């Protein structure tokens, strides 16, 4: 422990008292108080700096989770109650409950939620975010709890003129700019059309009316979205299946203690059937915790 002595000067002289014979007694007392204050401040500063992110979360008793609130069926608002719900919303709610933590949701666009995790403003991002090697370089992913594959939403009457993935070249593809599906669309030569945290209805209507041609996305989310709008001229492409995927919760690279605790709970939920139960509720009876039979 390092302590610092400070001697106060006033008017170019040491502090004086009216009675000179007590000058050193007063000065010594002042120096002692200053010495104790300096030492005390030094210890306090070190204690604050040594507190980990997980310790801070436990101390505050709450966790902050970013999600879009616009993505059927993983994160959306119930039409009747306007309450935030969905497969991943309920998964992370149960995780927080088992960790004895309150949960605060912040509804953000996809790009913004990843930035917020990276800067420490958000503890977890939960929005059907696929585990990729590139993302693993910048973030911590939880144990995967959803398995799926890619499909394409196209117009029902003509499949948007698309027979195979290669036919997407030159077509207008809708999606989030930094999603793995939009990256694939760009690589295939599609014309990119992006939105700022738009709802599924906006995305799907634009395909239906021809403003865009195709949405590359997760199979289960796409199936739920198409079923939710039966009057739209849209369908799941019958012949396009690609890229088996895994989804996990996203955390800051430094928050290893948080990740360890989240993983322990998720593994319990996978083992005791809780993930399956939530999946069946939101994905029309499908168990997304099981890997699909696709190469």
Protein backbone atom coordinates (compact mmCIF):
# COMPACT_ATOMS: atom_id res chain seq x y z
CA UNK A 1 0.00 0.00 0.00
CA UNK A 2 1.35 3.42 -1.02
CA UNK A 3 0.47 6.48 1.06
CA UNK A 4 1.24 10.10 0.27
CA UNK A 5 2.05 12.99 2.63
CA UNK A 6 0.73 16.43 1.79
CA UNK A 7 1.82 19.62 3.52
CA UNK A 8 -0.44 22.61 3.00
CA UNK A 9 1.10 26.05 2.42
CA UNK A 10 -0.71 29.31 2.87
CA UNK A 11 0.71 32.69 1.88
CA UNK A 12 4.16 31.09 1.44
CA UNK A 13 4.32 29.83 5.07
CA UNK A 14 3.41 26.67 6.96
CA UNK A 15 0.07 26.75 8.75
CA UNK A 16 0.45 28.77 11.84
CA UNK A 17 -1.47 29.16 15.04
CA UNK A 18 -1.64 32.24 17.23
CA UNK A 19 0.18 30.37 19.98
CA UNK A 20 3.56 29.47 18.40
CA UNK A 21 4.46 26.79 20.92
CA UNK A 22 1.53 24.70 19.63
CA UNK A 23 2.47 25.14 15.98
CA UNK A 24 4.00 21.69 15.49
CA UNK A 25 1.22 19.96 17.40
CA UNK A 26 -1.38 21.47 15.04
CA UNK A 27 0.73 20.74 11.98
CA UNK A 28 1.31 17.13 13.05
CA UNK A 29 -2.42 16.62 13.58
CA UNK A 30 -3.22 17.98 10.13
CA UNK A 31 -0.60 15.76 8.50
CA UNK A 32 -1.97 12.70 10.32
CA UNK A 33 -5.50 13.34 9.08
CA UNK A 34 -4.23 13.88 5.54
CA UNK A 35 -2.18 10.69 5.70
CA UNK A 36 -5.17 8.60 6.82
CA UNK A 37 -7.44 10.10 4.16
CA UNK A 38 -4.91 9.37 1.42
CA UNK A 39 -4.48 5.75 2.53
CA UNK A 40 -8.22 5.22 2.84
CA UNK A 41 -8.91 6.62 -0.65
CA UNK A 42 -6.24 4.35 -2.13
CA UNK A 43 -7.84 1.19 -0.70
CA UNK A 44 -11.32 2.23 -1.84
CA UNK A 45 -10.13 2.84 -5.38
CA UNK A 46 -8.48 -0.56 -5.61
CA UNK A 47 -11.56 -2.32 -4.29
CA UNK A 48 -13.76 -0.69 -6.94
CA UNK A 49 -11.38 -1.48 -9.78
CA UNK A 50 -11.11 -5.15 -8.77
CA UNK A 51 -14.89 -5.79 -8.89
CA UNK A 52 -15.77 -8.07 -11.81
CA UNK A 53 -18.76 -7.62 -14.11
CA UNK A 54 -20.40 -10.72 -12.61
CA UNK A 55 -19.87 -9.43 -9.05
CA UNK A 56 -21.47 -6.14 -10.06
CA UNK A 57 -24.45 -7.97 -11.57
CA UNK A 58 -24.92 -10.02 -8.38
CA UNK A 59 -24.58 -6.93 -6.22
CA UNK A 60 -27.23 -5.04 -8.22
CA UNK A 61 -29.40 -8.14 -8.53
CA UNK A 62 -30.32 -7.50 -12.16
CA UNK A 63 -29.18 -8.14 -15.70
CA UNK A 64 -29.74 -6.08 -18.87
CA UNK A 65 -30.71 -7.91 -22.04
CA UNK A 66 -30.93 -6.49 -25.56
CA UNK A 67 -33.53 -7.89 -27.96
CA UNK A 68 -35.42 -6.51 -30.96
CA UNK A 69 -39.05 -7.02 -29.96
CA UNK A 70 -39.85 -7.30 -33.68
CA UNK A 71 -38.75 -10.84 -34.60
CA UNK A 72 -41.46 -13.51 -34.73
CA UNK A 73 -41.31 -15.97 -32.99
CA UNK A 74 -38.24 -15.31 -30.89
CA UNK A 75 -38.76 -11.72 -29.69
CA UNK A 76 -41.98 -9.80 -30.24
CA UNK A 77 -44.87 -8.06 -28.48
CA UNK A 78 -48.11 -9.94 -27.89
CA UNK A 79 -50.95 -8.35 -29.87
CA UNK A 80 -53.39 -8.42 -26.97
CA UNK A 81 -51.22 -7.62 -23.94
CA UNK A 82 -48.37 -5.77 -25.69
CA UNK A 83 -46.04 -7.75 -23.42
CA UNK A 84 -42.61 -8.70 -24.73
CA UNK A 85 -42.45 -12.46 -25.35
CA UNK A 86 -41.10 -15.08 -27.74
CA UNK A 87 -38.91 -18.16 -27.64
CA UNK A 88 -35.64 -16.47 -26.79
CA UNK A 89 -37.23 -13.86 -24.52
CA UNK A 90 -38.72 -16.64 -22.40
CA UNK A 91 -35.49 -18.65 -22.42
CA UNK A 92 -33.47 -15.73 -21.08
CA UNK A 93 -36.22 -14.90 -18.55
CA UNK A 94 -35.89 -18.41 -17.14
CA UNK A 95 -32.10 -18.12 -17.10
CA UNK A 96 -32.34 -14.92 -15.05
CA UNK A 97 -34.92 -16.49 -12.74
CA UNK A 98 -32.67 -19.47 -12.00
CA UNK A 99 -29.74 -17.12 -11.35
CA UNK A 100 -31.98 -15.18 -8.91
CA UNK A 101 -31.71 -12.00 -10.97
CA UNK A 102 -34.20 -9.41 -12.14
CA UNK A 103 -34.16 -8.75 -15.88
CA UNK A 104 -34.40 -5.49 -17.83
CA UNK A 105 -35.03 -5.72 -21.57
CA UNK A 106 -33.88 -3.03 -24.00
CA UNK A 107 -35.35 -3.20 -27.49
CA UNK A 108 -32.64 -2.41 -30.03
CA UNK A 109 -31.83 -3.01 -33.68
CA UNK A 110 -29.53 -5.93 -34.48
CA UNK A 111 -26.39 -3.90 -35.13
CA UNK A 112 -26.96 -1.66 -32.10
CA UNK A 113 -27.40 -4.57 -29.69
CA UNK A 114 -24.05 -6.12 -30.66
CA UNK A 115 -22.32 -2.75 -30.29
CA UNK A 116 -23.93 -2.31 -26.86
CA UNK A 117 -22.66 -5.71 -25.71
CA UNK A 118 -19.19 -4.84 -26.97
CA UNK A 119 -19.11 -1.53 -25.05
CA UNK A 120 -20.50 -3.04 -21.84
CA UNK A 121 -23.82 -1.16 -21.92
CA UNK A 122 -25.71 -4.46 -22.23
CA UNK A 123 -24.96 -7.74 -20.44
CA UNK A 124 -26.57 -10.12 -22.94
CA UNK A 125 -27.99 -9.96 -26.47
CA UNK A 126 -30.83 -12.42 -27.19
CA UNK A 127 -32.22 -12.24 -30.69
CA UNK A 128 -31.67 -15.47 -32.64
CA UNK A 129 -28.00 -14.59 -33.14
CA UNK A 130 -26.12 -17.36 -34.89
CA UNK A 131 -22.80 -18.64 -33.61
CA UNK A 132 -20.13 -17.96 -36.25
CA UNK A 133 -16.33 -18.10 -36.15
CA UNK A 134 -16.07 -14.37 -36.93
CA UNK A 135 -18.43 -13.43 -34.10
CA UNK A 136 -16.64 -15.73 -31.68
CA UNK A 137 -13.52 -13.63 -32.18
CA UNK A 138 -15.34 -10.60 -30.74
CA UNK A 139 -17.97 -12.05 -28.38
CA UNK A 140 -18.66 -14.88 -25.96
CA UNK A 141 -21.50 -17.21 -26.95
CA UNK A 142 -23.46 -19.33 -24.53
CA UNK A 143 -24.09 -23.03 -24.95
CA UNK A 144 -26.23 -23.29 -28.12
CA UNK A 145 -29.89 -23.97 -27.36
CA UNK A 146 -31.47 -23.60 -30.82
CA UNK A 147 -30.54 -25.50 -33.99
CA UNK A 148 -31.90 -24.72 -37.42
CA UNK A 149 -30.96 -24.07 -41.05
CA UNK A 150 -31.48 -21.43 -43.69
CA UNK A 151 -34.43 -21.12 -46.05
CA UNK A 152 -35.92 -18.48 -48.38
CA UNK A 153 -39.23 -16.62 -48.24
CA UNK A 154 -40.44 -15.88 -51.77
CA UNK A 155 -43.67 -14.94 -53.54
CA UNK A 156 -46.17 -17.78 -53.63
CA UNK A 157 -47.37 -17.34 -57.23
CA UNK A 158 -43.97 -17.51 -58.97
CA UNK A 159 -41.36 -18.26 -56.23
CA UNK A 160 -39.95 -14.82 -57.15
CA UNK A 161 -38.34 -16.44 -60.19
CA UNK A 162 -35.95 -18.37 -57.94
CA UNK A 163 -35.28 -22.10 -58.37
CA UNK A 164 -31.93 -22.39 -56.60
CA UNK A 165 -29.76 -20.15 -54.41
CA UNK A 166 -27.75 -19.16 -57.49
CA UNK A 167 -30.89 -17.54 -58.95
CA UNK A 168 -30.79 -14.93 -56.18
CA UNK A 169 -28.18 -12.99 -58.17
CA UNK A 170 -29.71 -9.66 -59.17
CA UNK A 171 -32.77 -10.15 -56.95
CA UNK A 172 -33.69 -7.73 -54.14
CA UNK A 173 -32.92 -9.44 -50.82
CA UNK A 174 -34.31 -7.99 -47.57
CA UNK A 175 -32.70 -8.28 -44.15
CA UNK A 176 -30.40 -6.83 -41.49
CA UNK A 177 -27.15 -5.56 -42.96
CA UNK A 178 -24.78 -7.53 -40.71
CA UNK A 179 -26.76 -10.78 -40.44
CA UNK A 180 -25.20 -13.97 -41.78
CA UNK A 181 -28.11 -14.29 -44.19
CA UNK A 182 -27.55 -10.87 -45.73
CA UNK A 183 -23.86 -11.65 -46.01
CA UNK A 184 -24.81 -14.77 -47.99
CA UNK A 185 -27.20 -12.76 -50.18
CA UNK A 186 -24.41 -10.29 -50.99
CA UNK A 187 -22.03 -13.13 -51.83
CA UNK A 188 -24.65 -14.55 -54.20
CA UNK A 189 -24.91 -11.18 -55.96
CA UNK A 190 -28.29 -10.01 -54.64
CA UNK A 191 -29.25 -6.35 -54.34
CA UNK A 192 -29.33 -5.52 -50.63
CA UNK A 193 -32.43 -3.92 -49.05
CA UNK A 194 -32.05 -3.21 -45.33
CA UNK A 195 -34.38 -1.97 -42.60
CA UNK A 196 -33.93 -0.34 -39.19
CA UNK A 197 -35.43 -2.88 -36.76
CA UNK A 198 -38.59 -3.28 -38.85
CA UNK A 199 -41.30 -5.78 -37.92
CA UNK A 200 -41.81 -9.09 -39.70
CA UNK A 201 -44.96 -7.68 -41.27
CA UNK A 202 -42.98 -4.98 -43.08
CA UNK A 203 -40.37 -7.44 -44.39
CA UNK A 204 -42.93 -9.98 -45.55
CA UNK A 205 -45.37 -7.50 -47.11
CA UNK A 206 -42.57 -6.04 -49.22
CA UNK A 207 -41.88 -9.48 -50.70
CA UNK A 208 -45.59 -10.03 -51.25
CA UNK A 209 -46.07 -6.77 -53.22
CA UNK A 210 -42.81 -7.06 -55.14
CA UNK A 211 -40.84 -4.29 -53.46
CA UNK A 212 -38.31 -7.00 -52.63
CA UNK A 213 -37.96 -10.56 -53.95
CA UNK A 214 -36.58 -12.77 -51.22
CA UNK A 215 -35.74 -13.03 -47.53
CA UNK A 216 -32.99 -15.45 -46.58
CA UNK A 217 -33.50 -16.39 -42.95
CA UNK A 218 -33.80 -19.10 -40.33
CA UNK A 219 -36.29 -21.87 -41.22
CA UNK A 220 -38.28 -21.82 -37.97
CA UNK A 221 -38.57 -18.04 -37.83
CA UNK A 222 -39.56 -17.89 -41.49
CA UNK A 223 -42.21 -20.60 -41.07
CA UNK A 224 -43.74 -18.78 -38.11
CA UNK A 225 -43.71 -15.46 -39.97
CA UNK A 226 -45.34 -16.80 -43.12
CA UNK A 227 -48.05 -18.54 -41.08
CA UNK A 228 -48.79 -15.29 -39.24
CA UNK A 229 -49.78 -13.49 -42.47
CA UNK A 230 -51.88 -15.94 -44.52
CA UNK A 231 -53.25 -13.19 -46.79
CA UNK A 232 -49.78 -12.27 -48.08
CA UNK A 233 -48.56 -13.70 -51.39
CA UNK A 234 -45.59 -15.44 -49.74
CA UNK A 235 -44.33 -18.96 -49.04
CA UNK A 236 -41.30 -20.92 -47.88
CA UNK A 237 -39.30 -22.02 -50.91
CA UNK A 238 -39.83 -25.81 -51.17
CA UNK A 239 -36.35 -26.65 -52.49
CA UNK A 240 -33.94 -24.32 -50.68
CA UNK A 241 -32.24 -25.58 -47.52
CA UNK A 242 -28.73 -24.55 -46.52
CA UNK A 243 -26.29 -23.72 -43.72
CA UNK A 244 -27.16 -25.65 -40.53
CA UNK A 245 -26.92 -23.15 -37.68
CA UNK A 246 -26.67 -22.81 -33.91
CA UNK A 247 -28.00 -19.95 -31.79
CA UNK A 248 -26.77 -18.80 -28.38
CA UNK A 249 -26.87 -15.80 -26.07
CA UNK A 250 -24.17 -13.21 -26.76
CA UNK A 251 -21.95 -11.67 -24.07
CA UNK A 252 -18.92 -9.42 -23.82
CA UNK A 253 -15.63 -11.22 -24.40
CA UNK A 254 -14.40 -10.25 -20.91
CA UNK A 255 -17.47 -11.51 -19.01
CA UNK A 256 -16.31 -15.10 -18.56
CA UNK A 257 -17.92 -15.47 -15.11
CA UNK A 258 -21.29 -14.39 -16.49
CA UNK A 259 -20.92 -16.86 -19.37
CA UNK A 260 -20.01 -19.70 -17.01
CA UNK A 261 -23.10 -19.11 -14.87
CA UNK A 262 -25.41 -18.71 -17.87
CA UNK A 263 -24.06 -21.90 -19.44
CA UNK A 264 -24.60 -23.89 -16.27
CA UNK A 265 -28.26 -22.86 -16.20
CA UNK A 266 -28.81 -23.41 -19.94
CA UNK A 267 -27.40 -26.92 -19.71
CA UNK A 268 -29.80 -27.64 -16.84
CA UNK A 269 -32.69 -26.31 -18.95
CA UNK A 270 -31.69 -28.47 -21.92
CA UNK A 271 -31.39 -31.50 -19.67
CA UNK A 272 -34.68 -31.08 -17.80
CA UNK A 273 -36.73 -30.34 -20.94
CA UNK A 274 -37.43 -26.65 -20.26
CA UNK A 275 -35.97 -25.50 -23.61
CA UNK A 276 -38.06 -28.12 -25.43
CA UNK A 277 -41.20 -26.97 -23.60
CA UNK A 278 -40.63 -23.32 -24.57
CA UNK A 279 -39.82 -24.30 -28.15
CA UNK A 280 -42.98 -26.34 -28.59
CA UNK A 281 -45.02 -23.34 -27.44
CA UNK A 282 -43.54 -20.88 -29.92
CA UNK A 283 -42.62 -23.03 -32.93
CA UNK A 284 -45.84 -24.95 -33.55
CA UNK A 285 -44.74 -28.10 -31.75
CA UNK A 286 -41.18 -28.19 -33.12
CA UNK A 287 -38.25 -28.85 -30.79
CA UNK A 288 -35.50 -26.48 -31.91
CA UNK A 289 -33.14 -27.77 -29.23
CA UNK A 290 -32.54 -30.82 -31.48
CA UNK A 291 -30.25 -30.65 -34.52
CA UNK A 292 -32.16 -30.88 -37.83
CA UNK A 293 -31.48 -33.72 -40.25
CA UNK A 294 -29.71 -31.67 -42.90
CA UNK A 295 -26.18 -31.72 -44.32
